[in-house]
Amino acid sequence: METITLVLTLLVAVVASGLIARMLPFPVPRPLVQIALGAAVGLVADWRVTLDPDIFFLLFLPPLLFLDGWRIPREDLFKDGSTILELALGLVVFTVLGMGFFIHWMIPAMPLAVAFALAAVVSPTDPIAVSAIAQRTPIPKRMMHILEGESLLNDASGLVCLRFAVAAALTGAFSLGDAALNFLWVAIGGIAVGAGLTWLVGWSKTAITRRLGEESGSQILISLLIPFGAYLVAEHLHCSGILAAVAAGLTMGFVEARGNALAATRIRRTTVWDMIQFTANGTIFVLLGEQLPTILAGAADTVRFTGHHEPWWLAIYVVAINVGLAGLRFAWVWLSFRLTLLRRPESRARPNWRIIGAMSFAGVRGAITLAGVLTLPLAMKDGAPFPARDLAIFLAMGVIILSLIAASIGLPLMMRGLEMPAEPSGEAEIDAARIAAAEAAIAEIESTQHRLAEGRKDADAYVNVASRLMDIYRERIDQQATEPEQMVLLRRDQGIERELRLAALKAERAEIFRRVRDRQLGSEAARKLVRELDLSETRLAV
């Protein structure tokens, strides 16, 4: 019962965090509010959750990374693939080497291998934290796609570096050749497992539904099981479960592009996944906060390991590590932009230093950093305590919180008044797709009308109905083919029409609910009518 009560309390804290974030007079990212609420739960209720890193990774990361990979625009990801790979691979190795030596120099009592391990867990950015920050700060789409792609791919490289740093700390030996081969197996194997499993499930699902029909509930459950299956299979083969989940999400986008799923399945599945994303994101940060009192309680003992007695030395170390991370990231981002973006014919101007600064501030750490540092072993092979483990955990938690705060303050300042290069809106592609889709619909209506009306006495009825439908699609084609000047007026009129339709739908819904309260309409009939209105409103709100 205590465990169930704790889980429900954490979920209530997730709900409350949204309300508190909106009530505050100044913008505060929801993750910071959730961390504060988690700390309050840990202090007031005196509950302690023992985070098993393996269970933590399995429960939270596969579905969230799968969904991010599924929904990220693939064409944008591939367009900036070289920049993303430079950040996801090169920056991680650069950060591990630079910060490893820096941490060991700053804290000589921490062995070099442990310093490299700490640098490895703070090197990857967190996609969940990046997305949370972006909800409150207007980040250009292209920059956001680069940040999302980086954070999706750099987890594996950071965790591989962590694995070898820990092995070096336990054995005192390190082989660069073995590390390179292991990294290739971990990365390529994880991608292959995720992509292969998703393709196999998609092919099997299509074959079965063609013969037996589609059941929405089963299809949604299958989509939920895919990331966990990819993660577990990859981990069983000693590959990267994280990359497997990301690859599964990217492959899911290609599988779903076939358009085999029913419309009702897609609507319900989107709702389910939105709920899972909201709940899992919030729970992660509440759990981070819940761990905070335990970590702070040992601060006095932890600081003695460094040769000091005042706890504020720990704050100095946290600030220094964050400054070092930001400096290394700024240098690498500048170099990456110079090497990739500027050698393209369309990008000859130097990138604005504020853009590079914004990319540097957006390097937010989160759940993967904490879960990674908790995987540090408790003891050496001879039974002695693992050196500086508590200190590493404290510093990692401090980096998470300070990076969130720095991004919350720094990103809005960097983005304020910044004029970004114009991004393609995609309106031309959308208009062309709408015209092509309308033309395909007209051809199909005409063909179906002839097939259904053949040999029937009421064939005129089919002709009249088909004519009305084709007129609607022809009007849509005419609207998309208007001149740019007329299109401005047309979009204005469409905006006015949208507002009027939304107001009308609201009035319809209010009248239906009034009739239910007055017992003039049954609940089942009302549910059907409200669903129709909700679907219409959802379409207008997109």
Protein backbone atom coordinates (compact mmCIF):
# COMPACT_ATOMS: atom_id res chain seq x y z
CA MET A 1 0.00 0.00 0.00
CA GLU A 2 2.82 2.40 0.78
CA THR A 3 4.29 1.90 -2.71
CA ILE A 4 0.92 2.49 -4.37
CA THR A 5 0.36 5.59 -2.24
CA LEU A 6 3.79 6.91 -3.22
CA VAL A 7 3.12 6.35 -6.94
CA LEU A 8 -0.22 8.14 -6.70
CA THR A 9 1.42 11.01 -4.81
CA LEU A 10 4.03 11.39 -7.53
CA LEU A 11 1.30 11.50 -10.17
CA VAL A 12 -0.59 14.15 -8.21
CA ALA A 13 2.64 16.16 -8.05
CA VAL A 14 2.89 15.93 -11.86
CA VAL A 15 -0.63 17.33 -12.21
CA ALA A 16 0.02 20.06 -9.63
CA SER A 17 3.24 21.13 -11.37
CA GLY A 18 1.31 22.28 -14.42
CA LEU A 19 -1.04 24.37 -12.31
CA ILE A 20 1.77 25.92 -10.28
CA ALA A 21 3.84 26.70 -13.38
CA ARG A 22 0.90 28.61 -14.89
CA MET A 23 0.14 30.43 -11.63
CA LEU A 24 3.66 31.80 -11.12
CA PRO A 25 4.03 35.48 -12.14
CA PHE A 26 7.23 34.74 -14.06
CA PRO A 27 7.93 31.92 -16.53
CA VAL A 28 9.47 28.85 -14.90
CA PRO A 29 9.99 25.62 -16.84
CA ARG A 30 7.76 22.85 -15.59
CA PRO A 31 10.73 20.50 -14.89
CA LEU A 32 12.06 22.88 -12.23
CA VAL A 33 8.64 23.02 -10.59
CA GLN A 34 8.44 19.23 -10.70
CA ILE A 35 11.87 18.85 -9.12
CA ALA A 36 10.83 21.24 -6.33
CA LEU A 37 7.59 19.32 -5.73
CA GLY A 38 9.49 16.05 -5.68
CA ALA A 39 11.88 17.44 -3.08
CA ALA A 40 8.91 18.64 -1.02
CA VAL A 41 7.37 15.15 -1.16
CA GLY A 42 10.66 13.63 -0.01
CA LEU A 43 10.99 16.08 2.87
CA VAL A 44 7.39 16.23 4.11
CA ALA A 45 6.34 12.62 3.66
CA ASP A 46 9.80 11.21 4.43
CA TRP A 47 9.41 8.73 1.57
CA ARG A 48 12.42 7.41 -0.27
CA VAL A 49 12.38 5.79 -3.66
CA THR A 50 15.36 3.54 -4.29
CA LEU A 51 16.07 4.10 -7.97
CA ASP A 52 17.32 0.96 -9.67
CA PRO A 53 18.97 2.38 -12.82
CA ASP A 54 18.09 -0.68 -14.93
CA ILE A 55 14.40 -0.47 -14.00
CA PHE A 56 14.45 3.32 -14.37
CA PHE A 57 15.89 3.04 -17.89
CA LEU A 58 13.40 0.33 -18.87
CA LEU A 59 10.25 2.04 -17.56
CA PHE A 60 10.78 5.58 -18.76
CA LEU A 61 13.35 5.93 -21.52
CA PRO A 62 12.17 3.47 -24.25
CA PRO A 63 8.66 4.93 -24.74
CA LEU A 64 9.82 8.55 -24.56
CA LEU A 65 12.77 8.10 -26.92
CA PHE A 66 10.61 6.00 -29.25
CA LEU A 67 7.98 8.74 -29.40
CA ASP A 68 10.58 11.46 -30.01
CA GLY A 69 12.09 9.41 -32.83
CA TRP A 70 8.64 8.72 -34.26
CA ARG A 71 7.52 12.35 -34.28
CA ILE A 72 10.74 14.16 -35.19
CA PRO A 73 10.65 15.38 -38.82
CA ARG A 74 12.88 12.85 -40.58
CA GLU A 75 13.71 15.09 -43.52
CA ASP A 76 15.01 17.80 -41.16
CA LEU A 77 16.96 15.21 -39.19
CA PHE A 78 18.70 13.93 -42.32
CA LYS A 79 19.22 17.44 -43.71
CA ASP A 80 21.37 18.41 -40.72
CA GLY A 81 22.69 14.88 -40.17
CA SER A 82 26.37 15.87 -40.29
CA THR A 83 25.89 18.60 -37.66
CA ILE A 84 23.87 16.27 -35.45
CA LEU A 85 26.48 13.51 -35.65
CA GLU A 86 29.27 15.97 -34.84
CA LEU A 87 27.38 17.03 -31.72
CA ALA A 88 26.18 13.55 -30.74
CA LEU A 89 29.52 11.79 -31.19
CA GLY A 90 32.36 14.28 -31.47
CA LEU A 91 31.13 16.62 -28.77
CA VAL A 92 30.59 13.76 -26.32
CA VAL A 93 34.15 12.44 -26.73
CA PHE A 94 35.53 15.99 -26.63
CA THR A 95 33.55 16.69 -23.44
CA VAL A 96 34.55 13.45 -21.74
CA LEU A 97 38.25 14.07 -22.37
CA GLY A 98 38.19 17.77 -21.52
CA MET A 99 35.95 17.57 -18.46
CA GLY A 100 37.59 14.37 -17.21
CA PHE A 101 40.99 16.03 -16.94
CA PHE A 102 39.40 19.25 -15.63
CA ILE A 103 37.45 17.48 -12.85
CA HIS A 104 40.52 15.48 -11.81
CA TRP A 105 42.58 18.68 -11.73
CA MET A 106 39.93 20.50 -9.71
CA ILE A 107 39.31 17.58 -7.31
CA PRO A 108 42.58 15.62 -7.06
CA ALA A 109 41.01 13.22 -4.55
CA MET A 110 38.74 11.90 -7.33
CA PRO A 111 40.67 9.30 -9.37
CA LEU A 112 41.09 10.07 -13.06
CA ALA A 113 38.97 7.11 -14.17
CA VAL A 114 36.11 8.22 -11.88
CA ALA A 115 36.46 11.78 -13.19
CA PHE A 116 36.10 10.42 -16.72
CA ALA A 117 33.03 8.46 -15.60
CA LEU A 118 31.44 11.62 -14.17
CA ALA A 119 32.32 13.52 -17.35
CA ALA A 120 30.70 10.74 -19.39
CA VAL A 121 27.36 10.94 -17.54
CA VAL A 122 27.16 14.75 -17.76
CA SER A 123 28.17 14.87 -21.43
CA PRO A 124 24.87 13.78 -23.09
CA THR A 125 22.04 16.26 -23.25
CA ASP A 126 18.57 15.06 -22.34
CA PRO A 127 15.81 15.07 -25.01
CA ILE A 128 13.09 15.23 -22.36
CA ALA A 129 14.61 18.29 -20.69
CA VAL A 130 15.28 19.97 -24.06
CA SER A 131 11.64 19.51 -25.08
CA ALA A 132 10.43 20.85 -21.73
CA ILE A 133 12.55 24.00 -22.05
CA ALA A 134 11.37 24.53 -25.63
CA GLN A 135 7.75 24.66 -24.50
CA ARG A 136 8.39 28.01 -22.78
CA THR A 137 11.02 29.46 -25.13
CA PRO A 138 10.42 30.12 -28.84
CA ILE A 139 13.29 28.18 -30.43
CA PRO A 140 13.61 28.19 -34.24
CA LYS A 141 12.49 24.93 -35.79
CA ARG A 142 15.81 24.07 -37.39
CA MET A 143 17.72 24.67 -34.16
CA MET A 144 15.18 22.61 -32.24
CA HIS A 145 15.49 19.72 -34.68
CA ILE A 146 19.28 19.77 -34.32
CA LEU A 147 19.00 19.77 -30.52
CA GLU A 148 16.44 16.95 -30.56
CA GLY A 149 18.51 14.86 -32.95
CA GLU A 150 21.65 15.40 -30.88
CA SER A 151 19.98 14.46 -27.62
CA LEU A 152 18.44 11.35 -29.17
CA LEU A 153 21.78 10.02 -30.38
CA ASN A 154 24.36 11.18 -27.82
CA ASP A 155 23.03 9.03 -24.97
CA ALA A 156 24.58 5.88 -26.38
CA SER A 157 28.00 7.48 -26.90
CA GLY A 158 27.96 8.93 -23.38
CA LEU A 159 26.94 5.65 -21.77
CA VAL A 160 29.58 3.71 -23.72
CA CYS A 161 32.22 6.15 -22.47
CA LEU A 162 30.84 5.63 -18.95
CA ARG A 163 31.10 1.86 -19.31
CA PHE A 164 34.77 2.00 -20.26
CA ALA A 165 35.59 4.59 -17.60
CA VAL A 166 34.08 2.34 -14.92
CA ALA A 167 35.94 -0.68 -16.33
CA ALA A 168 39.18 1.31 -16.17
CA ALA A 169 38.46 2.29 -12.56
CA LEU A 170 37.81 -1.34 -11.57
CA THR A 171 40.68 -2.97 -13.48
CA GLY A 172 43.15 -0.14 -13.99
CA ALA A 173 43.38 -1.02 -17.70
CA PHE A 174 41.97 0.57 -20.85
CA SER A 175 42.18 -0.46 -24.51
CA LEU A 176 41.31 2.10 -27.18
CA GLY A 177 40.89 -0.60 -29.83
CA ASP A 178 38.48 -2.61 -27.69
CA ALA A 179 36.57 0.56 -26.88
CA ALA A 180 36.20 1.46 -30.58
CA LEU A 181 35.04 -2.03 -31.56
CA ASN A 182 32.62 -2.18 -28.65
CA PHE A 183 31.19 1.20 -29.56
CA LEU A 184 30.57 0.07 -33.14
CA TRP A 185 28.80 -3.07 -31.92
CA VAL A 186 26.75 -1.16 -29.37
CA ALA A 187 25.68 1.53 -31.86
CA ILE A 188 25.18 -0.47 -35.06
CA GLY A 189 23.64 -3.42 -33.22
CA GLY A 190 21.19 -1.18 -31.36
CA ILE A 191 20.10 0.59 -34.54
CA ALA A 192 19.72 -2.70 -36.39
CA VAL A 193 17.66 -4.28 -33.61
CA GLY A 194 15.30 -1.29 -33.30
CA ALA A 195 14.78 -0.86 -37.03
CA GLY A 196 14.50 -4.59 -37.74
CA LEU A 197 12.03 -5.33 -34.96
CA THR A 198 9.79 -2.42 -35.88
CA TRP A 199 9.78 -3.34 -39.56
CA LEU A 200 9.00 -6.98 -38.72
CA VAL A 201 6.13 -5.99 -36.41
CA GLY A 202 4.76 -3.56 -38.99
CA TRP A 203 4.87 -6.16 -41.76
CA SER A 204 3.21 -8.81 -39.55
CA LYS A 205 0.55 -6.37 -38.38
CA THR A 206 -0.32 -5.39 -41.96
CA ALA A 207 -0.54 -9.02 -43.09
CA ILE A 208 -2.82 -9.97 -40.20
CA THR A 209 -5.14 -6.97 -40.47
CA ARG A 210 -5.63 -7.59 -44.19
CA ARG A 211 -7.00 -11.03 -43.39
CA LEU A 212 -8.81 -10.44 -40.09
CA GLY A 213 -9.46 -6.70 -39.94
CA GLU A 214 -8.07 -4.12 -37.55
CA GLU A 215 -8.85 -3.67 -33.85
CA SER A 216 -7.84 -0.25 -32.56
CA GLY A 217 -7.09 -1.35 -29.00
CA SER A 218 -4.70 -4.08 -30.16
CA GLN A 219 -2.93 -1.74 -32.57
CA ILE A 220 -2.38 0.85 -29.84
CA LEU A 221 -1.05 -1.80 -27.45
CA ILE A 222 1.36 -3.06 -30.13
CA SER A 223 2.73 0.46 -30.57
CA LEU A 224 3.30 0.63 -26.81
CA LEU A 225 5.12 -2.71 -26.72
CA ILE A 226 7.49 -2.03 -29.63
CA PRO A 227 9.92 0.29 -27.76
CA PHE A 228 10.13 -2.03 -24.76
CA GLY A 229 10.72 -5.02 -27.02
CA ALA A 230 13.45 -3.22 -28.98
CA TYR A 231 15.14 -2.06 -25.77
CA LEU A 232 15.10 -5.50 -24.11
CA VAL A 233 16.31 -7.39 -27.19
CA ALA A 234 19.15 -4.90 -27.73
CA GLU A 235 20.22 -5.04 -24.09
CA HIS A 236 20.13 -8.86 -24.20
CA LEU A 237 22.54 -8.73 -27.16
CA HIS A 238 24.72 -6.18 -25.25
CA CYS A 239 23.83 -3.43 -27.71
CA SER A 240 22.44 0.03 -26.97
CA GLY A 241 18.82 -0.24 -25.88
CA ILE A 242 18.57 3.54 -26.08
CA LEU A 243 19.60 3.63 -29.74
CA ALA A 244 17.30 0.68 -30.40
CA ALA A 245 14.33 2.66 -29.03
CA VAL A 246 15.27 5.72 -31.11
CA ALA A 247 15.75 3.62 -34.27
CA ALA A 248 12.41 1.91 -33.60
CA GLY A 249 10.70 5.30 -33.45
CA LEU A 250 12.31 6.52 -36.67
CA THR A 251 11.37 3.27 -38.42
CA MET A 252 7.83 3.54 -37.08
CA GLY A 253 7.51 6.81 -38.99
CA PHE A 254 8.37 5.02 -42.24
CA VAL A 255 6.06 2.09 -41.44
CA GLU A 256 3.13 4.38 -40.67
CA ALA A 257 3.74 6.33 -43.88
CA ARG A 258 2.04 3.42 -45.69
CA GLY A 259 -1.25 4.68 -44.24
CA ASN A 260 -2.60 1.23 -43.35
CA ALA A 261 -4.01 2.15 -39.93
CA LEU A 262 -7.63 3.18 -39.53
CA ALA A 263 -8.41 6.83 -38.84
CA ALA A 264 -9.97 5.93 -35.46
CA THR A 265 -6.80 4.04 -34.51
CA ARG A 266 -4.57 7.02 -35.30
CA ILE A 267 -6.77 9.42 -33.30
CA ARG A 268 -6.94 7.18 -30.23
CA ARG A 269 -3.27 6.23 -30.44
CA THR A 270 -2.21 9.88 -30.53
CA THR A 271 -4.26 10.58 -27.41
CA VAL A 272 -2.77 7.60 -25.56
CA TRP A 273 0.80 8.53 -26.47
CA ASP A 274 0.27 12.18 -25.50
CA MET A 275 -0.90 11.04 -22.07
CA ILE A 276 2.08 8.69 -21.65
CA GLN A 277 4.50 11.42 -22.69
CA PHE A 278 3.05 13.92 -20.23
CA THR A 279 2.96 11.44 -17.35
CA ALA A 280 6.39 9.91 -17.89
CA ASN A 281 8.11 13.28 -18.43
CA GLY A 282 6.65 14.69 -15.24
CA THR A 283 7.31 11.58 -13.16
CA ILE A 284 10.99 11.57 -14.17
CA PHE A 285 11.59 15.08 -12.86
CA VAL A 286 9.49 14.53 -9.72
CA LEU A 287 11.63 11.47 -9.00
CA LEU A 288 14.77 13.54 -9.54
CA GLY A 289 13.52 16.00 -6.93
CA GLU A 290 12.56 13.19 -4.57
CA GLN A 291 16.18 12.01 -4.60
CA LEU A 292 17.46 15.50 -3.72
CA PRO A 293 16.97 15.41 0.10
CA THR A 294 18.88 12.13 0.36
CA ILE A 295 21.75 13.47 -1.72
CA LEU A 296 21.91 16.75 0.22
CA ALA A 297 21.80 14.92 3.56
CA GLY A 298 25.19 13.42 2.82
CA ALA A 299 26.74 16.66 1.59
CA ALA A 300 28.73 17.24 4.77
CA ASP A 301 30.35 13.81 4.56
CA THR A 302 30.79 14.06 0.80
CA VAL A 303 32.72 17.34 0.90
CA ARG A 304 35.26 15.88 3.34
CA PHE A 305 36.38 13.49 0.62
CA THR A 306 37.65 16.52 -1.35
CA GLY A 307 39.78 17.73 1.57
CA HIS A 308 37.42 20.55 2.59
CA HIS A 309 34.92 20.91 5.42
CA GLU A 310 32.56 23.64 4.18
CA PRO A 311 29.64 22.32 2.08
CA TRP A 312 29.67 25.42 -0.12
CA TRP A 313 32.72 23.97 -1.85
CA LEU A 314 30.34 21.52 -3.50
CA ALA A 315 28.40 24.43 -5.00
CA ILE A 316 31.67 25.84 -6.38
CA TYR A 317 32.44 22.50 -8.00
CA VAL A 318 28.96 22.31 -9.56
CA VAL A 319 29.24 25.84 -10.98
CA ALA A 320 32.75 25.14 -12.28
CA ILE A 321 31.63 21.94 -14.01
CA ASN A 322 28.68 23.72 -15.64
CA VAL A 323 30.92 26.55 -16.82
CA GLY A 324 33.37 24.02 -18.21
CA LEU A 325 30.59 22.13 -20.01
CA ALA A 326 29.21 25.35 -21.47
CA GLY A 327 32.68 26.47 -22.61
CA LEU A 328 33.48 23.18 -24.32
CA ARG A 329 30.05 23.10 -25.93
CA PHE A 330 30.38 26.69 -27.16
CA ALA A 331 33.76 25.93 -28.75
CA TRP A 332 32.53 22.73 -30.39
CA VAL A 333 29.30 24.29 -31.68
CA TRP A 334 31.24 27.17 -33.20
CA LEU A 335 33.66 24.74 -34.83
CA SER A 336 30.81 22.50 -36.02
CA PHE A 337 28.96 25.42 -37.59
CA ARG A 338 32.12 26.58 -39.30
CA LEU A 339 32.86 23.13 -40.73
CA THR A 340 29.35 22.14 -41.83
CA LEU A 341 26.93 25.01 -42.23
CA LEU A 342 29.40 27.50 -43.68
CA ARG A 343 30.79 25.29 -46.39
CA ARG A 344 27.36 25.06 -47.98
CA PRO A 345 26.82 27.46 -50.90
CA GLU A 346 23.74 28.99 -49.31
CA SER A 347 25.47 29.69 -45.97
CA ARG A 348 28.46 31.97 -46.47
CA ALA A 349 27.83 34.40 -43.62
CA ARG A 350 29.27 33.71 -40.20
CA PRO A 351 26.74 32.38 -37.71
CA ASN A 352 25.57 34.86 -35.14
CA TRP A 353 27.37 34.37 -31.83
CA ARG A 354 23.99 34.55 -30.08
CA ILE A 355 22.83 31.52 -32.06
CA ILE A 356 25.92 29.64 -30.92
CA GLY A 357 25.29 30.87 -27.36
CA ALA A 358 21.70 29.66 -27.52
CA MET A 359 22.87 26.24 -28.73
CA SER A 360 25.30 26.16 -25.80
CA PHE A 361 22.67 27.10 -23.19
CA ALA A 362 20.32 24.49 -24.65
CA GLY A 363 22.68 21.70 -23.54
CA VAL A 364 20.37 20.67 -20.71
CA ARG A 365 21.06 17.57 -18.63
CA GLY A 366 18.31 15.43 -17.17
CA ALA A 367 17.17 11.94 -16.29
CA ILE A 368 19.82 10.08 -18.29
CA THR A 369 22.57 11.86 -16.36
CA LEU A 370 21.12 10.87 -12.98
CA ALA A 371 20.31 7.30 -14.02
CA GLY A 372 23.78 6.95 -15.53
CA VAL A 373 25.62 8.12 -12.43
CA LEU A 374 23.55 5.77 -10.27
CA THR A 375 24.97 2.84 -12.25
CA LEU A 376 28.39 3.47 -10.70
CA PRO A 377 29.28 0.32 -8.73
CA LEU A 378 29.13 0.35 -4.96
CA ALA A 379 32.44 -1.46 -4.47
CA MET A 380 35.70 -2.30 -6.21
CA LYS A 381 36.66 -5.86 -7.05
CA ASP A 382 38.56 -6.19 -3.77
CA GLY A 383 35.49 -5.14 -1.78
CA ALA A 384 36.66 -1.58 -1.07
CA PRO A 385 34.08 1.20 -1.58
CA PHE A 386 34.04 2.68 -5.08
CA PRO A 387 35.98 5.94 -4.76
CA ALA A 388 34.06 9.24 -4.81
CA ARG A 389 30.73 7.61 -5.72
CA ASP A 390 28.63 9.87 -3.46
CA LEU A 391 30.53 12.92 -4.66
CA ALA A 392 29.90 12.00 -8.31
CA ILE A 393 26.17 11.55 -7.64
CA PHE A 394 25.96 14.91 -5.86
CA LEU A 395 27.81 16.74 -8.64
CA ALA A 396 25.66 15.10 -11.34
CA MET A 397 22.47 16.19 -9.58
CA GLY A 398 23.86 19.71 -9.23
CA VAL A 399 24.70 19.81 -12.95
CA ILE A 400 21.13 18.76 -13.83
CA ILE A 401 19.50 21.47 -11.72
CA LEU A 402 21.93 24.25 -12.65
CA SER A 403 21.74 23.45 -16.37
CA LEU A 404 17.95 23.66 -16.22
CA ILE A 405 18.14 27.01 -14.43
CA ALA A 406 20.79 28.34 -16.83
CA ALA A 407 18.73 27.31 -19.86
CA SER A 408 15.58 28.82 -18.37
CA ILE A 409 17.31 32.17 -17.92
CA GLY A 410 19.88 32.17 -20.71
CA LEU A 411 17.81 30.91 -23.63
CA PRO A 412 15.13 33.64 -23.47
CA LEU A 413 17.87 36.28 -23.21
CA MET A 414 19.75 34.83 -26.16
CA MET A 415 16.62 34.51 -28.30
CA ARG A 416 15.15 37.93 -27.45
CA GLY A 417 15.14 40.17 -30.52
CA LEU A 418 17.27 37.70 -32.46
CA GLU A 419 16.52 37.79 -36.17
CA MET A 420 16.82 34.30 -37.54
CA PRO A 421 17.24 33.43 -41.23
CA ALA A 422 13.91 32.79 -42.88
CA GLU A 423 12.89 29.15 -42.66
CA PRO A 424 10.91 27.45 -45.41
CA SER A 425 7.30 27.36 -44.30
CA GLY A 426 6.35 24.40 -46.45
CA GLU A 427 3.14 26.15 -47.52
CA ALA A 428 3.83 25.46 -51.21
CA GLU A 429 4.26 21.75 -50.52
CA ILE A 430 1.09 21.70 -48.42
CA ASP A 431 -0.92 23.50 -51.11
CA ALA A 432 0.38 21.16 -53.81
CA ALA A 433 -0.45 18.12 -51.67
CA ARG A 434 -3.97 19.43 -51.02
CA ILE A 435 -4.58 19.96 -54.75
CA ALA A 436 -3.24 16.50 -55.60
CA ALA A 437 -5.31 14.90 -52.84
CA ALA A 438 -8.47 16.71 -54.01
CA GLU A 439 -7.88 15.62 -57.60
CA ALA A 440 -7.42 12.00 -56.44
CA ALA A 441 -10.64 12.28 -54.42
CA ILE A 442 -12.60 13.59 -57.46
CA ALA A 443 -11.33 10.74 -59.63
CA GLU A 444 -12.21 8.16 -56.97
CA ILE A 445 -15.70 9.64 -56.38
CA GLU A 446 -16.41 9.54 -60.12
CA SER A 447 -15.20 5.94 -60.42
CA THR A 448 -17.07 4.76 -57.33
CA GLN A 449 -20.25 6.56 -58.42
CA HIS A 450 -20.27 4.75 -61.78
CA ARG A 451 -19.65 1.40 -60.07
CA LEU A 452 -22.39 1.84 -57.46
CA ALA A 453 -25.00 3.31 -59.84
CA GLU A 454 -24.58 0.74 -62.59
CA GLY A 455 -27.85 -1.06 -63.27
CA ARG A 456 -29.81 0.76 -60.54
CA LYS A 457 -33.09 2.58 -61.09
CA ASP A 458 -32.04 5.41 -58.74
CA ALA A 459 -28.77 6.03 -60.57
CA ASP A 460 -29.60 9.76 -60.76
CA ALA A 461 -29.32 9.98 -56.98
CA TYR A 462 -25.73 8.70 -57.13
CA VAL A 463 -24.93 11.19 -59.89
CA ASN A 464 -26.38 14.13 -57.89
CA VAL A 465 -24.61 13.22 -54.63
CA ALA A 466 -21.31 12.62 -56.42
CA SER A 467 -21.66 15.96 -58.22
CA ARG A 468 -22.13 17.80 -54.92
CA LEU A 469 -19.08 16.12 -53.40
CA MET A 470 -16.91 16.81 -56.44
CA ASP A 471 -17.96 20.49 -56.36
CA ILE A 472 -16.64 20.69 -52.78
CA TYR A 473 -13.27 19.31 -53.86
CA ARG A 474 -13.15 21.56 -56.95
CA GLU A 475 -13.75 24.56 -54.70
CA ARG A 476 -10.82 23.42 -52.55
CA ILE A 477 -8.61 23.20 -55.65
CA ASP A 478 -9.67 26.71 -56.73
CA GLN A 479 -8.85 28.07 -53.29
CA GLN A 480 -5.34 26.59 -53.32
CA ALA A 481 -4.67 27.87 -56.86
CA THR A 482 -5.46 31.55 -56.12
CA GLU A 483 -2.93 34.34 -56.56
CA PRO A 484 -0.71 35.29 -53.59
CA GLU A 485 -2.56 38.59 -53.05
CA GLN A 486 -5.91 36.83 -53.03
CA MET A 487 -4.47 34.09 -50.79
CA VAL A 488 -3.79 36.66 -48.05
CA LEU A 489 -7.43 37.72 -48.09
CA LEU A 490 -8.56 34.11 -48.30
CA ARG A 491 -6.51 33.15 -45.22
CA ARG A 492 -7.95 36.14 -43.38
CA ASP A 493 -11.48 35.02 -44.21
CA GLN A 494 -10.62 31.45 -43.21
CA GLY A 495 -9.37 32.71 -39.84
CA ILE A 496 -12.63 34.60 -39.28
CA GLU A 497 -14.62 31.55 -40.32
CA ARG A 498 -12.60 29.38 -37.96
CA GLU A 499 -13.35 31.63 -34.99
CA LEU A 500 -17.07 31.68 -35.84
CA ARG A 501 -17.17 27.90 -36.26
CA LEU A 502 -15.43 27.37 -32.90
CA ALA A 503 -17.93 29.68 -31.21
CA ALA A 504 -20.81 27.81 -32.87
CA LEU A 505 -19.43 24.41 -31.80
CA LYS A 506 -19.08 25.67 -28.23
CA ALA A 507 -22.71 26.80 -28.25
CA GLU A 508 -23.82 23.44 -29.69
CA ARG A 509 -21.97 21.55 -26.99
CA ALA A 510 -23.38 23.76 -24.23
CA GLU A 511 -26.92 23.15 -25.50
CA ILE A 512 -26.40 19.37 -25.58
CA PHE A 513 -25.08 19.34 -22.01
CA ARG A 514 -28.01 21.51 -20.92
CA ARG A 515 -30.45 18.99 -22.40
CA VAL A 516 -28.63 16.17 -20.57
CA ARG A 517 -28.89 18.03 -17.26
CA ASP A 518 -32.61 18.69 -17.90
CA ARG A 519 -33.07 15.00 -18.84
CA GLN A 520 -34.26 15.90 -22.33
CA LEU A 521 -31.47 13.84 -23.91
CA GLY A 522 -29.99 10.47 -23.01
CA SER A 523 -26.35 10.13 -22.01
CA GLU A 524 -25.50 7.66 -24.79
CA ALA A 525 -26.94 9.93 -27.49
CA ALA A 526 -25.23 12.94 -25.91
CA ARG A 527 -21.88 11.13 -25.89
CA LYS A 528 -22.19 10.45 -29.63
CA LEU A 529 -23.11 14.07 -30.43
CA VAL A 530 -20.34 15.50 -28.25
CA ARG A 531 -17.76 13.23 -29.89
CA GLU A 532 -18.80 14.53 -33.31
CA LEU A 533 -18.43 18.11 -32.09
CA ASP A 534 -15.08 17.35 -30.44
CA LEU A 535 -13.69 15.85 -33.65
CA SER A 536 -14.86 18.90 -35.60
CA GLU A 537 -13.25 21.24 -33.07
CA THR A 538 -10.01 19.24 -33.11
CA ARG A 539 -9.88 19.57 -36.89
CA LEU A 540 -10.35 23.34 -36.67
CA ALA A 541 -7.76 23.67 -33.88
CA VAL A 542 -4.94 22.05 -35.88
